[in-house]
Structure formats: C-alpha cells, structure tokens
Amino acid sequence: MAEPEVSLDKALERLEAIADKLEDPALDLDEAVRLYEEGLRLYAECAKRLDAADLRITQLADALAKQARERGAAS
C-alpha cells in the first residue's frame, strides 16, 4: 500500500529535521544511513513536485501571453 502524500511544507520540515540529526556526531551509523535514505526520498519527491509546479506556471504564463497576443491582433 502506498504511503499518503505529505504536503510540501511537511516534507521540507522533515528534511530540515533529518539534516539536524545527521549533524549529530553521536548518531549511530545505521540510523544515519536510514535517515540519509529517507532524506534522499523526500528530496526527490520535493524536486519532482517543484518541477511540476514550475512547468504548470510556465504553461499558464505561455497561455496568458498567447491570449494577450491574440487579443492585440484582433484589435
């Protein structure tokens, strides 16, 4: 069963918490590796969602510019 999607804000908060824990020199190696793997998964998910948002914004801006050009040509 797939894990429920976490909000971007929560994912970024968790990444910050992981980074803080990884800075602890007393952290057990196995736990450090587990946290690092979790951080990589969160990073990949955040990057994917941010890329998708960027693409959507670009598409919307292009559509708006096209509309403006068409209205200008019709005048």
PDB file of N, CA and C in Angstrom:
ATOM      1  N   MET A   1       0.836  -1.188   0.000  1.00  0.00           N
ATOM      2  CA  MET A   1       0.000   0.000   0.000  1.00  0.00           C
ATOM      3  C   MET A   1       0.878   1.249   0.000  1.00  0.00           C
ATOM      4  N   ALA A   2       0.574   2.206  -0.863  1.00  0.00           N
ATOM      5  CA  ALA A   2       1.386   3.415  -0.989  1.00  0.00           C
ATOM      6  C   ALA A   2       1.184   4.325   0.226  1.00  0.00           C
ATOM      7  N   GLU A   3       2.256   5.025   0.593  1.00  0.00           N
ATOM      8  CA  GLU A   3       2.166   5.980   1.695  1.00  0.00           C
ATOM      9  C   GLU A   3       1.388   7.201   1.236  1.00  0.00           C
ATOM     10  N   PRO A   4       0.595   7.810   2.135  1.00  0.00           N
ATOM     11  CA  PRO A   4      -0.119   9.025   1.742  1.00  0.00           C
ATOM     12  C   PRO A   4       0.868  10.148   1.446  1.00  0.00           C
ATOM     13  N   GLU A   5       0.512  10.995   0.491  1.00  0.00           N
ATOM     14  CA  GLU A   5       1.401  12.081   0.103  1.00  0.00           C
ATOM     15  C   GLU A   5       1.445  13.138   1.210  1.00  0.00           C
ATOM     16  N   VAL A   6       2.644  13.537   1.556  1.00  0.00           N
ATOM     17  CA  VAL A   6       2.865  14.545   2.581  1.00  0.00           C
ATOM     18  C   VAL A   6       2.915  15.907   1.890  1.00  0.00           C
ATOM     19  N   SER A   7       2.410  16.943   2.566  1.00  0.00           N
ATOM     20  CA  SER A   7       2.469  18.280   1.982  1.00  0.00           C
ATOM     21  C   SER A   7       3.924  18.688   1.782  1.00  0.00           C
ATOM     22  N   LEU A   8       4.123  19.582   0.843  1.00  0.00           N
ATOM     23  CA  LEU A   8       5.488  20.049   0.561  1.00  0.00           C
ATOM     24  C   LEU A   8       6.105  20.684   1.803  1.00  0.00           C
ATOM     25  N   ASP A   9       5.316  21.474   2.523  1.00  0.00           N
ATOM     26  CA  ASP A   9       5.833  22.112   3.742  1.00  0.00           C
ATOM     27  C   ASP A   9       6.283  21.080   4.774  1.00  0.00           C
ATOM     28  N   LYS A  10       5.470  20.046   4.963  1.00  0.00           N
ATOM     29  CA  LYS A  10       5.816  18.995   5.931  1.00  0.00           C
ATOM     30  C   LYS A  10       7.067  18.230   5.476  1.00  0.00           C
ATOM     31  N   ALA A  11       7.163  17.975   4.184  1.00  0.00           N
ATOM     32  CA  ALA A  11       8.334  17.272   3.656  1.00  0.00           C
ATOM     33  C   ALA A  11       9.600  18.101   3.874  1.00  0.00           C
ATOM     34  N   LEU A  12       9.513  19.405   3.636  1.00  0.00           N
ATOM     35  CA  LEU A  12      10.676  20.269   3.843  1.00  0.00           C
ATOM     36  C   LEU A  12      11.046  20.355   5.325  1.00  0.00           C
ATOM     37  N   GLU A  13      10.031  20.404   6.191  1.00  0.00           N
ATOM     38  CA  GLU A  13      10.297  20.402   7.630  1.00  0.00           C
ATOM     39  C   GLU A  13      11.017  19.115   8.036  1.00  0.00           C
ATOM     40  N   ARG A  14      10.558  17.994   7.493  1.00  0.00           N
ATOM     41  CA  ARG A  14      11.181  16.708   7.813  1.00  0.00           C
ATOM     42  C   ARG A  14      12.621  16.661   7.293  1.00  0.00           C
ATOM     43  N   LEU A  15      12.845  17.222   6.108  1.00  0.00           N
ATOM     44  CA  LEU A  15      14.216  17.281   5.575  1.00  0.00           C
ATOM     45  C   LEU A  15      15.122  18.091   6.497  1.00  0.00           C
ATOM     46  N   GLU A  16      14.618  19.208   7.011  1.00  0.00           N
ATOM     47  CA  GLU A  16      15.411  20.020   7.947  1.00  0.00           C
ATOM     48  C   GLU A  16      15.719  19.236   9.215  1.00  0.00           C
ATOM     49  N   ALA A  17      14.716  18.503   9.713  1.00  0.00           N
ATOM     50  CA  ALA A  17      14.929  17.709  10.925  1.00  0.00           C
ATOM     51  C   ALA A  17      15.968  16.625  10.675  1.00  0.00           C
ATOM     52  N   ILE A  18      15.906  15.999   9.524  1.00  0.00           N
ATOM     53  CA  ILE A  18      16.886  14.966   9.174  1.00  0.00           C
ATOM     54  C   ILE A  18      18.283  15.565   9.101  1.00  0.00           C
ATOM     55  N   ALA A  19      18.402  16.718   8.459  1.00  0.00           N
ATOM     56  CA  ALA A  19      19.712  17.370   8.348  1.00  0.00           C
ATOM     57  C   ALA A  19      20.271  17.683   9.739  1.00  0.00           C
ATOM     58  N   ASP A  20      19.412  18.173  10.630  1.00  0.00           N
ATOM     59  CA  ASP A  20      19.857  18.463  12.001  1.00  0.00           C
ATOM     60  C   ASP A  20      20.357  17.201  12.694  1.00  0.00           C
ATOM     61  N   LYS A  21      19.610  16.103  12.549  1.00  0.00           N
ATOM     62  CA  LYS A  21      20.007  14.843  13.200  1.00  0.00           C
ATOM     63  C   LYS A  21      21.311  14.317  12.615  1.00  0.00           C
ATOM     64  N   LEU A  22      21.498  14.467  11.306  1.00  0.00           N
ATOM     65  CA  LEU A  22      22.713  13.955  10.670  1.00  0.00           C
ATOM     66  C   LEU A  22      23.961  14.722  11.114  1.00  0.00           C
ATOM     67  N   GLU A  23      23.775  15.916  11.633  1.00  0.00           N
ATOM     68  CA  GLU A  23      24.914  16.694  12.128  1.00  0.00           C
ATOM     69  C   GLU A  23      25.377  16.234  13.509  1.00  0.00           C
ATOM     70  N   ASP A  24      24.608  15.382  14.162  1.00  0.00           N
ATOM     71  CA  ASP A  24      24.947  14.896  15.500  1.00  0.00           C
ATOM     72  C   ASP A  24      26.068  13.858  15.392  1.00  0.00           C
ATOM     73  N   PRO A  25      27.251  14.148  15.945  1.00  0.00           N
ATOM     74  CA  PRO A  25      28.369  13.198  15.839  1.00  0.00           C
ATOM     75  C   PRO A  25      28.122  11.904  16.611  1.00  0.00           C
ATOM     76  N   ALA A  26      27.161  11.899  17.526  1.00  0.00           N
ATOM     77  CA  ALA A  26      26.886  10.699  18.312  1.00  0.00           C
ATOM     78  C   ALA A  26      25.879   9.773  17.616  1.00  0.00           C
ATOM     79  N   LEU A  27      25.407  10.172  16.432  1.00  0.00           N
ATOM     80  CA  LEU A  27      24.407   9.384  15.717  1.00  0.00           C
ATOM     81  C   LEU A  27      24.984   8.045  15.275  1.00  0.00           C
ATOM     82  N   ASP A  28      24.258   6.985  15.545  1.00  0.00           N
ATOM     83  CA  ASP A  28      24.638   5.629  15.145  1.00  0.00           C
ATOM     84  C   ASP A  28      24.700   5.548  13.616  1.00  0.00           C
ATOM     85  N   LEU A  29      25.670   4.809  13.088  1.00  0.00           N
ATOM     86  CA  LEU A  29      25.871   4.701  11.644  1.00  0.00           C
ATOM     87  C   LEU A  29      24.627   4.167  10.931  1.00  0.00           C
ATOM     88  N   ASP A  30      24.023   3.118  11.468  1.00  0.00           N
ATOM     89  CA  ASP A  30      22.830   2.546  10.829  1.00  0.00           C
ATOM     90  C   ASP A  30      21.693   3.558  10.774  1.00  0.00           C
ATOM     91  N   GLU A  31      21.514   4.291  11.854  1.00  0.00           N
ATOM     92  CA  GLU A  31      20.465   5.322  11.893  1.00  0.00           C
ATOM     93  C   GLU A  31      20.799   6.448  10.914  1.00  0.00           C
ATOM     94  N   ALA A  32      22.060   6.806  10.818  1.00  0.00           N
ATOM     95  CA  ALA A  32      22.473   7.853   9.883  1.00  0.00           C
ATOM     96  C   ALA A  32      22.169   7.438   8.445  1.00  0.00           C
ATOM     97  N   VAL A  33      22.451   6.197   8.107  1.00  0.00           N
ATOM     98  CA  VAL A  33      22.178   5.698   6.759  1.00  0.00           C
ATOM     99  C   VAL A  33      20.672   5.694   6.500  1.00  0.00           C
ATOM    100  N   ARG A  34      19.889   5.241   7.484  1.00  0.00           N
ATOM    101  CA  ARG A  34      18.438   5.225   7.336  1.00  0.00           C
ATOM    102  C   ARG A  34      17.888   6.639   7.123  1.00  0.00           C
ATOM    103  N   LEU A  35      18.376   7.581   7.916  1.00  0.00           N
ATOM    104  CA  LEU A  35      17.939   8.970   7.769  1.00  0.00           C
ATOM    105  C   LEU A  35      18.362   9.540   6.415  1.00  0.00           C
ATOM    106  N   TYR A  36      19.569   9.220   5.992  1.00  0.00           N
ATOM    107  CA  TYR A  36      20.062   9.708   4.701  1.00  0.00           C
ATOM    108  C   TYR A  36      19.174   9.192   3.568  1.00  0.00           C
ATOM    109  N   GLU A  37      18.817   7.908   3.628  1.00  0.00           N
ATOM    110  CA  GLU A  37      17.940   7.332   2.605  1.00  0.00           C
ATOM    111  C   GLU A  37      16.573   8.014   2.608  1.00  0.00           C
ATOM    112  N   GLU A  38      16.032   8.239   3.798  1.00  0.00           N
ATOM    113  CA  GLU A  38      14.744   8.940   3.899  1.00  0.00           C
ATOM    114  C   GLU A  38      14.860  10.345   3.321  1.00  0.00           C
ATOM    115  N   GLY A  39      15.955  11.011   3.629  1.00  0.00           N
ATOM    116  CA  GLY A  39      16.177  12.354   3.102  1.00  0.00           C
ATOM    117  C   GLY A  39      16.259  12.379   1.588  1.00  0.00           C
ATOM    118  N   LEU A  40      16.924  11.389   1.016  1.00  0.00           N
ATOM    119  CA  LEU A  40      17.016  11.312  -0.447  1.00  0.00           C
ATOM    120  C   LEU A  40      15.640  11.120  -1.074  1.00  0.00           C
ATOM    121  N   ARG A  41      14.819  10.254  -0.461  1.00  0.00           N
ATOM    122  CA  ARG A  41      13.462  10.039  -0.984  1.00  0.00           C
ATOM    123  C   ARG A  41      12.637  11.322  -0.902  1.00  0.00           C
ATOM    124  N   LEU A  42      12.721  11.998   0.237  1.00  0.00           N
ATOM    125  CA  LEU A  42      11.983  13.255   0.397  1.00  0.00           C
ATOM    126  C   LEU A  42      12.466  14.317  -0.587  1.00  0.00           C
ATOM    127  N   TYR A  43      13.782  14.407  -0.754  1.00  0.00           N
ATOM    128  CA  TYR A  43      14.341  15.373  -1.694  1.00  0.00           C
ATOM    129  C   TYR A  43      13.828  15.119  -3.104  1.00  0.00           C
ATOM    130  N   ALA A  44      13.844  13.850  -3.516  1.00  0.00           N
ATOM    131  CA  ALA A  44      13.391  13.501  -4.866  1.00  0.00           C
ATOM    132  C   ALA A  44      11.917  13.852  -5.045  1.00  0.00           C
ATOM    133  N   GLU A  45      11.106  13.573  -4.054  1.00  0.00           N
ATOM    134  CA  GLU A  45       9.679  13.885  -4.128  1.00  0.00           C
ATOM    135  C   GLU A  45       9.455  15.399  -4.185  1.00  0.00           C
ATOM    136  N   CYS A  46      10.163  16.141  -3.359  1.00  0.00           N
ATOM    137  CA  CYS A  46      10.027  17.604  -3.359  1.00  0.00           C
ATOM    138  C   CYS A  46      10.476  18.180  -4.700  1.00  0.00           C
ATOM    139  N   ALA A  47      11.595  17.706  -5.214  1.00  0.00           N
ATOM    140  CA  ALA A  47      12.101  18.198  -6.501  1.00  0.00           C
ATOM    141  C   ALA A  47      11.107  17.908  -7.614  1.00  0.00           C
ATOM    142  N   LYS A  48      10.521  16.714  -7.600  1.00  0.00           N
ATOM    143  CA  LYS A  48       9.535  16.338  -8.609  1.00  0.00           C
ATOM    144  C   LYS A  48       8.314  17.255  -8.551  1.00  0.00           C
ATOM    145  N   ARG A  49       7.836  17.523  -7.348  1.00  0.00           N
ATOM    146  CA  ARG A  49       6.657  18.380  -7.196  1.00  0.00           C
ATOM    147  C   ARG A  49       6.965  19.827  -7.573  1.00  0.00           C
ATOM    148  N   LEU A  50       8.145  20.305  -7.218  1.00  0.00           N
ATOM    149  CA  LEU A  50       8.523  21.672  -7.583  1.00  0.00           C
ATOM    150  C   LEU A  50       8.703  21.809  -9.092  1.00  0.00           C
ATOM    151  N   ASP A  51       9.278  20.797  -9.726  1.00  0.00           N
ATOM    152  CA  ASP A  51       9.426  20.813 -11.188  1.00  0.00           C
ATOM    153  C   ASP A  51       8.060  20.832 -11.862  1.00  0.00           C
ATOM    154  N   ALA A  52       7.118  20.042 -11.334  1.00  0.00           N
ATOM    155  CA  ALA A  52       5.771  20.005 -11.900  1.00  0.00           C
ATOM    156  C   ALA A  52       5.078  21.362 -11.735  1.00  0.00           C
ATOM    157  N   ALA A  53       5.253  21.989 -10.585  1.00  0.00           N
ATOM    158  CA  ALA A  53       4.662  23.307 -10.356  1.00  0.00           C
ATOM    159  C   ALA A  53       5.282  24.339 -11.297  1.00  0.00           C
ATOM    160  N   ASP A  54       6.591  24.275 -11.478  1.00  0.00           N
ATOM    161  CA  ASP A  54       7.281  25.200 -12.382  1.00  0.00           C
ATOM    162  C   ASP A  54       6.768  25.043 -13.814  1.00  0.00           C
ATOM    163  N   LEU A  55       6.597  23.797 -14.244  1.00  0.00           N
ATOM    164  CA  LEU A  55       6.085  23.538 -15.586  1.00  0.00           C
ATOM    165  C   LEU A  55       4.675  24.095 -15.737  1.00  0.00           C
ATOM    166  N   ARG A  56       3.842  23.876 -14.742  1.00  0.00           N
ATOM    167  CA  ARG A  56       2.458  24.364 -14.796  1.00  0.00           C
ATOM    168  C   ARG A  56       2.426  25.902 -14.861  1.00  0.00           C
ATOM    169  N   ILE A  57       3.252  26.552 -14.087  1.00  0.00           N
ATOM    170  CA  ILE A  57       3.317  28.012 -14.101  1.00  0.00           C
ATOM    171  C   ILE A  57       3.773  28.511 -15.468  1.00  0.00           C
ATOM    172  N   THR A  58       4.765  27.853 -16.046  1.00  0.00           N
ATOM    173  CA  THR A  58       5.247  28.211 -17.375  1.00  0.00           C
ATOM    174  C   THR A  58       4.138  28.050 -18.408  1.00  0.00           C
ATOM    175  N   GLN A  59       3.392  26.947 -18.318  1.00  0.00           N
ATOM    176  CA  GLN A  59       2.285  26.717 -19.249  1.00  0.00           C
ATOM    177  C   GLN A  59       1.216  27.794 -19.111  1.00  0.00           C
ATOM    178  N   LEU A  60       0.890  28.157 -17.878  1.00  0.00           N
ATOM    179  CA  LEU A  60      -0.116  29.191 -17.651  1.00  0.00           C
ATOM    180  C   LEU A  60       0.352  30.551 -18.177  1.00  0.00           C
ATOM    181  N   ALA A  61       1.608  30.876 -17.934  1.00  0.00           N
ATOM    182  CA  ALA A  61       2.154  32.144 -18.416  1.00  0.00           C
ATOM    183  C   ALA A  61       2.163  32.177 -19.942  1.00  0.00           C
ATOM    184  N   ASP A  62       2.523  31.065 -20.584  1.00  0.00           N
ATOM    185  CA  ASP A  62       2.520  30.999 -22.047  1.00  0.00           C
ATOM    186  C   ASP A  62       1.110  31.152 -22.596  1.00  0.00           C
ATOM    187  N   ALA A  63       0.136  30.508 -21.955  1.00  0.00           N
ATOM    188  CA  ALA A  63      -1.254  30.617 -22.402  1.00  0.00           C
ATOM    189  C   ALA A  63      -1.762  32.049 -22.251  1.00  0.00           C
ATOM    190  N   LEU A  64      -1.392  32.692 -21.175  1.00  0.00           N
ATOM    191  CA  LEU A  64      -1.800  34.082 -20.955  1.00  0.00           C
ATOM    192  C   LEU A  64      -1.165  34.998 -21.998  1.00  0.00           C
ATOM    193  N   ALA A  65       0.109  34.784 -22.298  1.00  0.00           N
ATOM    194  CA  ALA A  65       0.794  35.596 -23.307  1.00  0.00           C
ATOM    195  C   ALA A  65       0.165  35.385 -24.685  1.00  0.00           C
ATOM    196  N   LYS A  66      -0.196  34.143 -25.000  1.00  0.00           N
ATOM    197  CA  LYS A  66      -0.839  33.844 -26.274  1.00  0.00           C
ATOM    198  C   LYS A  66      -2.192  34.547 -26.372  1.00  0.00           C
ATOM    199  N   GLN A  67      -2.950  34.497 -25.264  1.00  0.00           N
ATOM    200  CA  GLN A  67      -4.247  35.191 -25.238  1.00  0.00           C
ATOM    201  C   GLN A  67      -4.063  36.699 -25.476  1.00  0.00           C
ATOM    202  N   ALA A  68      -3.058  37.272 -24.820  1.00  0.00           N
ATOM    203  CA  ALA A  68      -2.819  38.697 -24.966  1.00  0.00           C
ATOM    204  C   ALA A  68      -2.434  39.035 -26.406  1.00  0.00           C
ATOM    205  N   ARG A  69      -1.622  38.198 -27.059  1.00  0.00           N
ATOM    206  CA  ARG A  69      -1.240  38.436 -28.439  1.00  0.00           C
ATOM    207  C   ARG A  69      -2.458  38.340 -29.373  1.00  0.00           C
ATOM    208  N   GLU A  70      -3.312  37.333 -29.116  1.00  0.00           N
ATOM    209  CA  GLU A  70      -4.500  37.158 -29.943  1.00  0.00           C
ATOM    210  C   GLU A  70      -5.461  38.339 -29.778  1.00  0.00           C
ATOM    211  N   ARG A  71      -5.607  38.831 -28.577  1.00  0.00           N
ATOM    212  CA  ARG A  71      -6.476  39.991 -28.357  1.00  0.00           C
ATOM    213  C   ARG A  71      -5.888  41.235 -29.017  1.00  0.00           C
ATOM    214  N   GLY A  72      -4.574  41.351 -28.958  1.00  0.00           N
ATOM    215  CA  GLY A  72      -3.922  42.501 -29.584  1.00  0.00           C
ATOM    216  C   GLY A  72      -4.050  42.468 -31.097  1.00  0.00           C
ATOM    217  N   ALA A  73      -3.993  41.279 -31.672  1.00  0.00           N
ATOM    218  CA  ALA A  73      -4.113  41.126 -33.115  1.00  0.00           C
ATOM    219  C   ALA A  73      -5.546  41.356 -33.582  1.00  0.00           C
ATOM    220  N   ALA A  74      -6.508  41.080 -32.714  1.00  0.00           N
ATOM    221  CA  ALA A  74      -7.927  41.243 -33.076  1.00  0.00           C
ATOM    222  C   ALA A  74      -8.364  42.693 -32.982  1.00  0.00           C
ATOM    223  N   SER A  75      -7.598  43.527 -32.329  1.00  0.00           N
ATOM    224  CA  SER A  75      -7.990  44.944 -32.160  1.00  0.00           C
ATOM    225  C   SER A  75      -7.738  45.773 -33.375  1.00  0.00           C
TER     226      SER A  75
END
